[in-house]
Amino acid sequence: MLESALEKLAETILNLDEASLTSLWDKYKKKMENFDTTREWEQAVIIFFIINSVRVKNHIFNENILNLHKKHDKPTKPPKDKPHLKLIK
């Protein structure tokens, strides 16, 4: 049951827009830095780390996509034959 709940939560988070989340980053960072013993402070900490986890996930994803493209886009070197040049004297 716990795993199912976490998977649903992850699916919901994956549907959130990174740009929108990033716009909230400062707000929740400030709330987190102002320690309080309230449930709201605890939620702010969780939200702050959710925002960071989405940012990190997207960074890792983009880095891997770039690396895949680099591997596929490498030009193949032509075989080393004699050059097609003539010596003219």
PDB file of N, CA and C in Angstrom:
ATOM      1  N   MET A   1       0.822  -1.198   0.000  1.00  0.00           N
ATOM      2  CA  MET A   1       0.000   0.000   0.000  1.00  0.00           C
ATOM      3  C   MET A   1       0.868   1.265   0.000  1.00  0.00           C
ATOM      4  N   LEU A   2       1.925   1.253   0.806  1.00  0.00           N
ATOM      5  CA  LEU A   2       2.815   2.410   0.870  1.00  0.00           C
ATOM      6  C   LEU A   2       3.490   2.641  -0.473  1.00  0.00           C
ATOM      7  N   GLU A   3       3.959   1.557  -1.090  1.00  0.00           N
ATOM      8  CA  GLU A   3       4.625   1.687  -2.387  1.00  0.00           C
ATOM      9  C   GLU A   3       3.674   2.227  -3.443  1.00  0.00           C
ATOM     10  N   SER A   4       2.445   1.768  -3.419  1.00  0.00           N
ATOM     11  CA  SER A   4       1.434   2.247  -4.364  1.00  0.00           C
ATOM     12  C   SER A   4       1.171   3.737  -4.173  1.00  0.00           C
ATOM     13  N   ALA A   5       1.083   4.160  -2.921  1.00  0.00           N
ATOM     14  CA  ALA A   5       0.856   5.577  -2.631  1.00  0.00           C
ATOM     15  C   ALA A   5       2.031   6.421  -3.126  1.00  0.00           C
ATOM     16  N   LEU A   6       3.262   5.917  -2.937  1.00  0.00           N
ATOM     17  CA  LEU A   6       4.440   6.651  -3.400  1.00  0.00           C
ATOM     18  C   LEU A   6       4.487   6.722  -4.917  1.00  0.00           C
ATOM     19  N   GLU A   7       4.101   5.646  -5.588  1.00  0.00           N
ATOM     20  CA  GLU A   7       4.081   5.653  -7.052  1.00  0.00           C
ATOM     21  C   GLU A   7       3.059   6.656  -7.583  1.00  0.00           C
ATOM     22  N   LYS A   8       1.895   6.736  -6.943  1.00  0.00           N
ATOM     23  CA  LYS A   8       0.881   7.715  -7.350  1.00  0.00           C
ATOM     24  C   LYS A   8       1.379   9.137  -7.115  1.00  0.00           C
ATOM     25  N   LEU A   9       2.052   9.332  -5.988  1.00  0.00           N
ATOM     26  CA  LEU A   9       2.611  10.648  -5.670  1.00  0.00           C
ATOM     27  C   LEU A   9       3.677  11.026  -6.701  1.00  0.00           C
ATOM     28  N   ALA A  10       4.543  10.077  -7.060  1.00  0.00           N
ATOM     29  CA  ALA A  10       5.578  10.334  -8.063  1.00  0.00           C
ATOM     30  C   ALA A  10       4.948  10.681  -9.413  1.00  0.00           C
ATOM     31  N   GLU A  11       3.888   9.969  -9.788  1.00  0.00           N
ATOM     32  CA  GLU A  11       3.212  10.248 -11.054  1.00  0.00           C
ATOM     33  C   GLU A  11       2.622  11.652 -11.057  1.00  0.00           C
ATOM     34  N   THR A  12       2.037  12.057  -9.948  1.00  0.00           N
ATOM     35  CA  THR A  12       1.481  13.407  -9.825  1.00  0.00           C
ATOM     36  C   THR A  12       2.588  14.454  -9.951  1.00  0.00           C
ATOM     37  N   ILE A  13       3.716  14.207  -9.285  1.00  0.00           N
ATOM     38  CA  ILE A  13       4.838  15.147  -9.326  1.00  0.00           C
ATOM     39  C   ILE A  13       5.414  15.241 -10.732  1.00  0.00           C
ATOM     40  N   LEU A  14       5.493  14.111 -11.437  1.00  0.00           N
ATOM     41  CA  LEU A  14       6.024  14.118 -12.800  1.00  0.00           C
ATOM     42  C   LEU A  14       5.167  14.946 -13.749  1.00  0.00           C
ATOM     43  N   ASN A  15       3.916  15.126 -13.426  1.00  0.00           N
ATOM     44  CA  ASN A  15       3.022  15.920 -14.274  1.00  0.00           C
ATOM     45  C   ASN A  15       3.111  17.418 -13.991  1.00  0.00           C
ATOM     46  N   LEU A  16       3.905  17.808 -13.002  1.00  0.00           N
ATOM     47  CA  LEU A  16       4.066  19.224 -12.673  1.00  0.00           C
ATOM     48  C   LEU A  16       5.113  19.849 -13.582  1.00  0.00           C
ATOM     49  N   ASP A  17       4.934  21.111 -13.883  1.00  0.00           N
ATOM     50  CA  ASP A  17       5.830  21.853 -14.759  1.00  0.00           C
ATOM     51  C   ASP A  17       7.035  22.364 -13.967  1.00  0.00           C
ATOM     52  N   GLU A  18       8.237  22.060 -14.462  1.00  0.00           N
ATOM     53  CA  GLU A  18       9.446  22.476 -13.741  1.00  0.00           C
ATOM     54  C   GLU A  18       9.534  23.991 -13.602  1.00  0.00           C
ATOM     55  N   ALA A  19       9.168  24.727 -14.625  1.00  0.00           N
ATOM     56  CA  ALA A  19       9.248  26.190 -14.562  1.00  0.00           C
ATOM     57  C   ALA A  19       8.337  26.734 -13.462  1.00  0.00           C
ATOM     58  N   SER A  20       7.145  26.185 -13.360  1.00  0.00           N
ATOM     59  CA  SER A  20       6.220  26.623 -12.307  1.00  0.00           C
ATOM     60  C   SER A  20       6.765  26.273 -10.929  1.00  0.00           C
ATOM     61  N   LEU A  21       7.333  25.080 -10.825  1.00  0.00           N
ATOM     62  CA  LEU A  21       7.912  24.668  -9.540  1.00  0.00           C
ATOM     63  C   LEU A  21       9.090  25.563  -9.162  1.00  0.00           C
ATOM     64  N   THR A  22       9.928  25.862 -10.139  1.00  0.00           N
ATOM     65  CA  THR A  22      11.108  26.683  -9.882  1.00  0.00           C
ATOM     66  C   THR A  22      10.715  28.074  -9.405  1.00  0.00           C
ATOM     67  N   SER A  23       9.606  28.572  -9.880  1.00  0.00           N
ATOM     68  CA  SER A  23       9.157  29.895  -9.438  1.00  0.00           C
ATOM     69  C   SER A  23       8.776  29.899  -7.956  1.00  0.00           C
ATOM     70  N   LEU A  24       8.514  28.728  -7.409  1.00  0.00           N
ATOM     71  CA  LEU A  24       8.167  28.611  -5.988  1.00  0.00           C
ATOM     72  C   LEU A  24       9.366  28.287  -5.092  1.00  0.00           C
ATOM     73  N   TRP A  25      10.511  28.045  -5.706  1.00  0.00           N
ATOM     74  CA  TRP A  25      11.689  27.582  -4.975  1.00  0.00           C
ATOM     75  C   TRP A  25      12.080  28.536  -3.849  1.00  0.00           C
ATOM     76  N   ASP A  26      12.202  29.832  -4.147  1.00  0.00           N
ATOM     77  CA  ASP A  26      12.600  30.815  -3.122  1.00  0.00           C
ATOM     78  C   ASP A  26      11.610  30.864  -1.961  1.00  0.00           C
ATOM     79  N   LYS A  27      10.335  30.822  -2.290  1.00  0.00           N
ATOM     80  CA  LYS A  27       9.298  30.889  -1.259  1.00  0.00           C
ATOM     81  C   LYS A  27       9.465  29.757  -0.243  1.00  0.00           C
ATOM     82  N   TYR A  28       9.643  28.542  -0.734  1.00  0.00           N
ATOM     83  CA  TYR A  28       9.732  27.405   0.175  1.00  0.00           C
ATOM     84  C   TYR A  28      11.103  27.282   0.823  1.00  0.00           C
ATOM     85  N   LYS A  29      12.116  27.812   0.169  1.00  0.00           N
ATOM     86  CA  LYS A  29      13.448  27.849   0.784  1.00  0.00           C
ATOM     87  C   LYS A  29      13.408  28.744   2.022  1.00  0.00           C
ATOM     88  N   LYS A  30      12.772  29.915   1.885  1.00  0.00           N
ATOM     89  CA  LYS A  30      12.665  30.840   3.019  1.00  0.00           C
ATOM     90  C   LYS A  30      11.843  30.234   4.147  1.00  0.00           C
ATOM     91  N   LYS A  31      10.740  29.579   3.798  1.00  0.00           N
ATOM     92  CA  LYS A  31       9.918  28.946   4.828  1.00  0.00           C
ATOM     93  C   LYS A  31      10.703  27.856   5.553  1.00  0.00           C
ATOM     94  N   MET A  32      11.486  27.098   4.799  1.00  0.00           N
ATOM     95  CA  MET A  32      12.257  26.015   5.385  1.00  0.00           C
ATOM     96  C   MET A  32      13.348  26.556   6.307  1.00  0.00           C
ATOM     97  N   GLU A  33      13.976  27.653   5.900  1.00  0.00           N
ATOM     98  CA  GLU A  33      15.058  28.228   6.696  1.00  0.00           C
ATOM     99  C   GLU A  33      14.557  28.824   8.018  1.00  0.00           C
ATOM    100  N   ASN A  34      13.288  29.206   8.069  1.00  0.00           N
ATOM    101  CA  ASN A  34      12.706  29.751   9.303  1.00  0.00           C
ATOM    102  C   ASN A  34      12.063  28.615  10.085  1.00  0.00           C
ATOM    103  N   PHE A  35      12.901  27.885  10.817  1.00  0.00           N
ATOM    104  CA  PHE A  35      12.421  26.710  11.533  1.00  0.00           C
ATOM    105  C   PHE A  35      11.247  27.045  12.447  1.00  0.00           C
ATOM    106  N   ASP A  36      10.305  26.143  12.412  1.00  0.00           N
ATOM    107  CA  ASP A  36       9.123  26.253  13.253  1.00  0.00           C
ATOM    108  C   ASP A  36       8.690  24.819  13.557  1.00  0.00           C
ATOM    109  N   THR A  37       7.966  24.639  14.612  1.00  0.00           N
ATOM    110  CA  THR A  37       7.536  23.279  14.982  1.00  0.00           C
ATOM    111  C   THR A  37       6.153  22.950  14.440  1.00  0.00           C
ATOM    112  N   THR A  38       5.756  23.652  13.405  1.00  0.00           N
ATOM    113  CA  THR A  38       4.411  23.462  12.865  1.00  0.00           C
ATOM    114  C   THR A  38       4.401  22.474  11.697  1.00  0.00           C
ATOM    115  N   ARG A  39       3.218  22.000  11.407  1.00  0.00           N
ATOM    116  CA  ARG A  39       3.011  21.119  10.259  1.00  0.00           C
ATOM    117  C   ARG A  39       3.303  21.862   8.952  1.00  0.00           C
ATOM    118  N   GLU A  40       3.022  23.169   8.928  1.00  0.00           N
ATOM    119  CA  GLU A  40       3.281  23.974   7.739  1.00  0.00           C
ATOM    120  C   GLU A  40       4.772  24.020   7.422  1.00  0.00           C
ATOM    121  N   TRP A  41       5.620  24.116   8.462  1.00  0.00           N
ATOM    122  CA  TRP A  41       7.060  24.116   8.239  1.00  0.00           C
ATOM    123  C   TRP A  41       7.486  22.770   7.652  1.00  0.00           C
ATOM    124  N   GLU A  42       6.963  21.692   8.204  1.00  0.00           N
ATOM    125  CA  GLU A  42       7.287  20.355   7.700  1.00  0.00           C
ATOM    126  C   GLU A  42       6.886  20.208   6.231  1.00  0.00           C
ATOM    127  N   GLN A  43       5.717  20.711   5.899  1.00  0.00           N
ATOM    128  CA  GLN A  43       5.262  20.657   4.512  1.00  0.00           C
ATOM    129  C   GLN A  43       6.167  21.487   3.612  1.00  0.00           C
ATOM    130  N   ALA A  44       6.600  22.643   4.086  1.00  0.00           N
ATOM    131  CA  ALA A  44       7.489  23.498   3.306  1.00  0.00           C
ATOM    132  C   ALA A  44       8.800  22.776   2.996  1.00  0.00           C
ATOM    133  N   VAL A  45       9.326  22.040   3.953  1.00  0.00           N
ATOM    134  CA  VAL A  45      10.566  21.286   3.739  1.00  0.00           C
ATOM    135  C   VAL A  45      10.348  20.220   2.660  1.00  0.00           C
ATOM    136  N   ILE A  46       9.248  19.493   2.767  1.00  0.00           N
ATOM    137  CA  ILE A  46       8.945  18.451   1.779  1.00  0.00           C
ATOM    138  C   ILE A  46       8.762  19.066   0.397  1.00  0.00           C
ATOM    139  N   ILE A  47       8.029  20.166   0.313  1.00  0.00           N
ATOM    140  CA  ILE A  47       7.798  20.829  -0.975  1.00  0.00           C
ATOM    141  C   ILE A  47       9.117  21.315  -1.564  1.00  0.00           C
ATOM    142  N   PHE A  48       9.978  21.904  -0.726  1.00  0.00           N
ATOM    143  CA  PHE A  48      11.275  22.381  -1.198  1.00  0.00           C
ATOM    144  C   PHE A  48      12.076  21.237  -1.823  1.00  0.00           C
ATOM    145  N   PHE A  49      12.084  20.090  -1.175  1.00  0.00           N
ATOM    146  CA  PHE A  49      12.852  18.963  -1.700  1.00  0.00           C
ATOM    147  C   PHE A  49      12.176  18.305  -2.896  1.00  0.00           C
ATOM    148  N   ILE A  50      10.888  18.383  -2.980  1.00  0.00           N
ATOM    149  CA  ILE A  50      10.202  17.902  -4.190  1.00  0.00           C
ATOM    150  C   ILE A  50      10.612  18.764  -5.383  1.00  0.00           C
ATOM    151  N   ILE A  51      10.617  20.070  -5.184  1.00  0.00           N
ATOM    152  CA  ILE A  51      11.036  20.979  -6.260  1.00  0.00           C
ATOM    153  C   ILE A  51      12.464  20.651  -6.687  1.00  0.00           C
ATOM    154  N   ASN A  52      13.349  20.477  -5.714  1.00  0.00           N
ATOM    155  CA  ASN A  52      14.739  20.150  -6.044  1.00  0.00           C
ATOM    156  C   ASN A  52      14.852  18.793  -6.721  1.00  0.00           C
ATOM    157  N   SER A  53      14.060  17.833  -6.305  1.00  0.00           N
ATOM    158  CA  SER A  53      14.149  16.502  -6.919  1.00  0.00           C
ATOM    159  C   SER A  53      13.708  16.542  -8.384  1.00  0.00           C
ATOM    160  N   VAL A  54      12.706  17.332  -8.695  1.00  0.00           N
ATOM    161  CA  VAL A  54      12.270  17.465 -10.088  1.00  0.00           C
ATOM    162  C   VAL A  54      13.365  18.143 -10.906  1.00  0.00           C
ATOM    163  N   ARG A  55      13.984  19.157 -10.353  1.00  0.00           N
ATOM    164  CA  ARG A  55      15.064  19.849 -11.056  1.00  0.00           C
ATOM    165  C   ARG A  55      16.247  18.910 -11.309  1.00  0.00           C
ATOM    166  N   VAL A  56      16.624  18.136 -10.302  1.00  0.00           N
ATOM    167  CA  VAL A  56      17.736  17.189 -10.439  1.00  0.00           C
ATOM    168  C   VAL A  56      17.385  16.104 -11.445  1.00  0.00           C
ATOM    169  N   LYS A  57      16.167  15.581 -11.361  1.00  0.00           N
ATOM    170  CA  LYS A  57      15.727  14.547 -12.306  1.00  0.00           C
ATOM    171  C   LYS A  57      15.806  15.061 -13.732  1.00  0.00           C
ATOM    172  N   ASN A  58      15.340  16.274 -13.966  1.00  0.00           N
ATOM    173  CA  ASN A  58      15.379  16.847 -15.315  1.00  0.00           C
ATOM    174  C   ASN A  58      16.809  17.100 -15.782  1.00  0.00           C
ATOM    175  N   HIS A  59      17.673  17.515 -14.873  1.00  0.00           N
ATOM    176  CA  HIS A  59      19.077  17.734 -15.226  1.00  0.00           C
ATOM    177  C   HIS A  59      19.731  16.413 -15.641  1.00  0.00           C
ATOM    178  N   ILE A  60      19.533  15.364 -14.857  1.00  0.00           N
ATOM    179  CA  ILE A  60      20.092  14.048 -15.176  1.00  0.00           C
ATOM    180  C   ILE A  60      19.524  13.545 -16.502  1.00  0.00           C
ATOM    181  N   PHE A  61      18.230  13.706 -16.692  1.00  0.00           N
ATOM    182  CA  PHE A  61      17.574  13.278 -17.929  1.00  0.00           C
ATOM    183  C   PHE A  61      18.185  13.991 -19.132  1.00  0.00           C
ATOM    184  N   ASN A  62      18.294  15.320 -19.047  1.00  0.00           N
ATOM    185  CA  ASN A  62      18.828  16.107 -20.163  1.00  0.00           C
ATOM    186  C   ASN A  62      20.283  15.770 -20.455  1.00  0.00           C
ATOM    187  N   GLU A  63      21.088  15.564 -19.411  1.00  0.00           N
ATOM    188  CA  GLU A  63      22.490  15.185 -19.608  1.00  0.00           C
ATOM    189  C   GLU A  63      22.582  13.855 -20.354  1.00  0.00           C
ATOM    190  N   ASN A  64      21.760  12.903 -19.983  1.00  0.00           N
ATOM    191  CA  ASN A  64      21.793  11.597 -20.633  1.00  0.00           C
ATOM    192  C   ASN A  64      21.311  11.672 -22.075  1.00  0.00           C
ATOM    193  N   ILE A  65      20.299  12.476 -22.335  1.00  0.00           N
ATOM    194  CA  ILE A  65      19.828  12.655 -23.712  1.00  0.00           C
ATOM    195  C   ILE A  65      20.929  13.281 -24.561  1.00  0.00           C
ATOM    196  N   LEU A  66      21.612  14.294 -24.032  1.00  0.00           N
ATOM    197  CA  LEU A  66      22.722  14.918 -24.758  1.00  0.00           C
ATOM    198  C   LEU A  66      23.816  13.903 -25.069  1.00  0.00           C
ATOM    199  N   ASN A  67      24.156  13.089 -24.085  1.00  0.00           N
ATOM    200  CA  ASN A  67      25.197  12.078 -24.295  1.00  0.00           C
ATOM    201  C   ASN A  67      24.781  11.069 -25.356  1.00  0.00           C
ATOM    202  N   LEU A  68      23.520  10.682 -25.378  1.00  0.00           N
ATOM    203  CA  LEU A  68      23.037   9.755 -26.402  1.00  0.00           C
ATOM    204  C   LEU A  68      23.141  10.374 -27.784  1.00  0.00           C
ATOM    205  N   HIS A  69      22.780  11.653 -27.889  1.00  0.00           N
ATOM    206  CA  HIS A  69      22.866  12.338 -29.177  1.00  0.00           C
ATOM    207  C   HIS A  69      24.317  12.470 -29.637  1.00  0.00           C
ATOM    208  N   LYS A  70      25.209  12.738 -28.704  1.00  0.00           N
ATOM    209  CA  LYS A  70      26.628  12.865 -29.054  1.00  0.00           C
ATOM    210  C   LYS A  70      27.158  11.540 -29.589  1.00  0.00           C
ATOM    211  N   LYS A  71      26.754  10.441 -28.986  1.00  0.00           N
ATOM    212  CA  LYS A  71      27.213   9.131 -29.441  1.00  0.00           C
ATOM    213  C   LYS A  71      26.695   8.822 -30.842  1.00  0.00           C
ATOM    214  N   HIS A  72      25.449   9.184 -31.105  1.00  0.00           N
ATOM    215  CA  HIS A  72      24.846   8.898 -32.410  1.00  0.00           C
ATOM    216  C   HIS A  72      25.278   9.884 -33.487  1.00  0.00           C
ATOM    217  N   ASP A  73      25.688  11.071 -33.097  1.00  0.00           N
ATOM    218  CA  ASP A  73      26.031  12.102 -34.076  1.00  0.00           C
ATOM    219  C   ASP A  73      27.508  12.125 -34.447  1.00  0.00           C
ATOM    220  N   LYS A  74      28.311  11.244 -33.850  1.00  0.00           N
ATOM    221  CA  LYS A  74      29.732  11.246 -34.169  1.00  0.00           C
ATOM    222  C   LYS A  74      29.923  10.876 -35.639  1.00  0.00           C
ATOM    223  N   PRO A  75      30.624  11.729 -36.358  1.00  0.00           N
ATOM    224  CA  PRO A  75      30.854  11.392 -37.771  1.00  0.00           C
ATOM    225  C   PRO A  75      31.816  10.208 -37.857  1.00  0.00           C
ATOM    226  N   THR A  76      31.529   9.336 -38.776  1.00  0.00           N
ATOM    227  CA  THR A  76      32.416   8.203 -38.963  1.00  0.00           C
ATOM    228  C   THR A  76      33.606   8.645 -39.797  1.00  0.00           C
ATOM    229  N   LYS A  77      34.766   8.221 -39.396  1.00  0.00           N
ATOM    230  CA  LYS A  77      35.974   8.605 -40.114  1.00  0.00           C
ATOM    231  C   LYS A  77      36.079   7.750 -41.376  1.00  0.00           C
ATOM    232  N   PRO A  78      36.415   8.390 -42.471  1.00  0.00           N
ATOM    233  CA  PRO A  78      36.580   7.605 -43.699  1.00  0.00           C
ATOM    234  C   PRO A  78      37.802   6.692 -43.562  1.00  0.00           C
ATOM    235  N   PRO A  79      37.784   5.570 -44.248  1.00  0.00           N
ATOM    236  CA  PRO A  79      38.943   4.682 -44.151  1.00  0.00           C
ATOM    237  C   PRO A  79      40.180   5.377 -44.709  1.00  0.00           C
ATOM    238  N   LYS A  80      41.309   5.046 -44.124  1.00  0.00           N
ATOM    239  CA  LYS A  80      42.554   5.693 -44.556  1.00  0.00           C
ATOM    240  C   LYS A  80      43.074   4.984 -45.809  1.00  0.00           C
ATOM    241  N   ASP A  81      42.813   5.594 -46.940  1.00  0.00           N
ATOM    242  CA  ASP A  81      43.304   5.124 -48.226  1.00  0.00           C
ATOM    243  C   ASP A  81      44.401   6.065 -48.679  1.00  0.00           C
ATOM    244  N   LYS A  82      44.891   5.773 -49.856  1.00  0.00           N
ATOM    245  CA  LYS A  82      45.804   6.718 -50.479  1.00  0.00           C
ATOM    246  C   LYS A  82      44.986   7.936 -50.875  1.00  0.00           C
ATOM    247  N   PRO A  83      45.510   9.119 -50.675  1.00  0.00           N
ATOM    248  CA  PRO A  83      44.758  10.304 -51.076  1.00  0.00           C
ATOM    249  C   PRO A  83      44.583  10.342 -52.589  1.00  0.00           C
ATOM    250  N   HIS A  84      43.516  10.944 -53.029  1.00  0.00           N
ATOM    251  CA  HIS A  84      43.220  11.068 -54.454  1.00  0.00           C
ATOM    252  C   HIS A  84      43.908  12.310 -55.031  1.00  0.00           C
ATOM    253  N   LEU A  85      45.199  12.333 -54.878  1.00  0.00           N
ATOM    254  CA  LEU A  85      45.988  13.464 -55.378  1.00  0.00           C
ATOM    255  C   LEU A  85      47.021  12.941 -56.378  1.00  0.00           C
ATOM    256  N   LYS A  86      47.360  13.776 -57.348  1.00  0.00           N
ATOM    257  CA  LYS A  86      48.400  13.437 -58.318  1.00  0.00           C
ATOM    258  C   LYS A  86      49.566  14.369 -58.122  1.00  0.00           C
ATOM    259  N   LEU A  87      50.734  13.849 -58.254  1.00  0.00           N
ATOM    260  CA  LEU A  87      51.937  14.650 -58.179  1.00  0.00           C
ATOM    261  C   LEU A  87      52.194  15.248 -59.548  1.00  0.00           C
ATOM    262  N   ILE A  88      52.272  16.547 -59.632  1.00  0.00           N
ATOM    263  CA  ILE A  88      52.507  17.245 -60.906  1.00  0.00           C
ATOM    264  C   ILE A  88      53.827  17.958 -60.791  1.00  0.00           C
ATOM    265  N   LYS A  89      54.689  17.712 -61.821  1.00  0.00           N
ATOM    266  CA  LYS A  89      56.005  18.368 -61.825  1.00  0.00           C
ATOM    267  C   LYS A  89      56.130  19.324 -62.942  1.00  0.00           C
TER     268      LYS A  89
END
